[in-house]
Amino acid sequence: MSDARTGEFDPRLFTETISSHGHGGHIGLEYHDHGVGWVELKLPWREELVGDSETGILASGPIISMMDNATSLSVWTKLGTFRPQVTLDLRVDYMRAAKPKATVYGRGECYQIKRSIAFVRGIAHDGDPDDPVAHVAGTFINLDVSAS
């Protein structure tokens, strides 16, 4: 999914395409913003995603999925192109529950790419990045054997 004008990987186009078919679409992931080496997605609150019906707090699974997607997309924006990869490791440290009925934003950043491994980090927040819902750190392994 590349920008027709620049040929660069376009996370907006990619997210819009996969959101109409896959898991991201089922949970309602949306593109929010990006730059070189980072992507921000958002997860609007929906009743189907609530983990505790008494509090209205989102379940952790959709937030983990959003952060996996945001950090994965950040690798491709740093490379400027798509390459096949899989999540090798993604550690999620929850700081607190997201506020009920709040949209949660997930910002993923790729800070280092080696021959076969990309290193990422990110935060999830519900409006104030200085008061995060969760921090993540992880790695993705390059599956493009021709690039190794």
Foldseek 3Di string as FASTA:
>chain_A
DADPVPRFDDVQVVLVVVLVPDPCVVQVKHFDDDAQFKGKIKGFQDQVQAPDVVQQFGDVVVVQVRQLVGQQVSVRSNVRHDFDKDWPDKDKDFPAIAHHRFMKMKMKGFDDDDQFKTKIKIFIHRPDRVRTRIIMIGMMTTPPVVSD
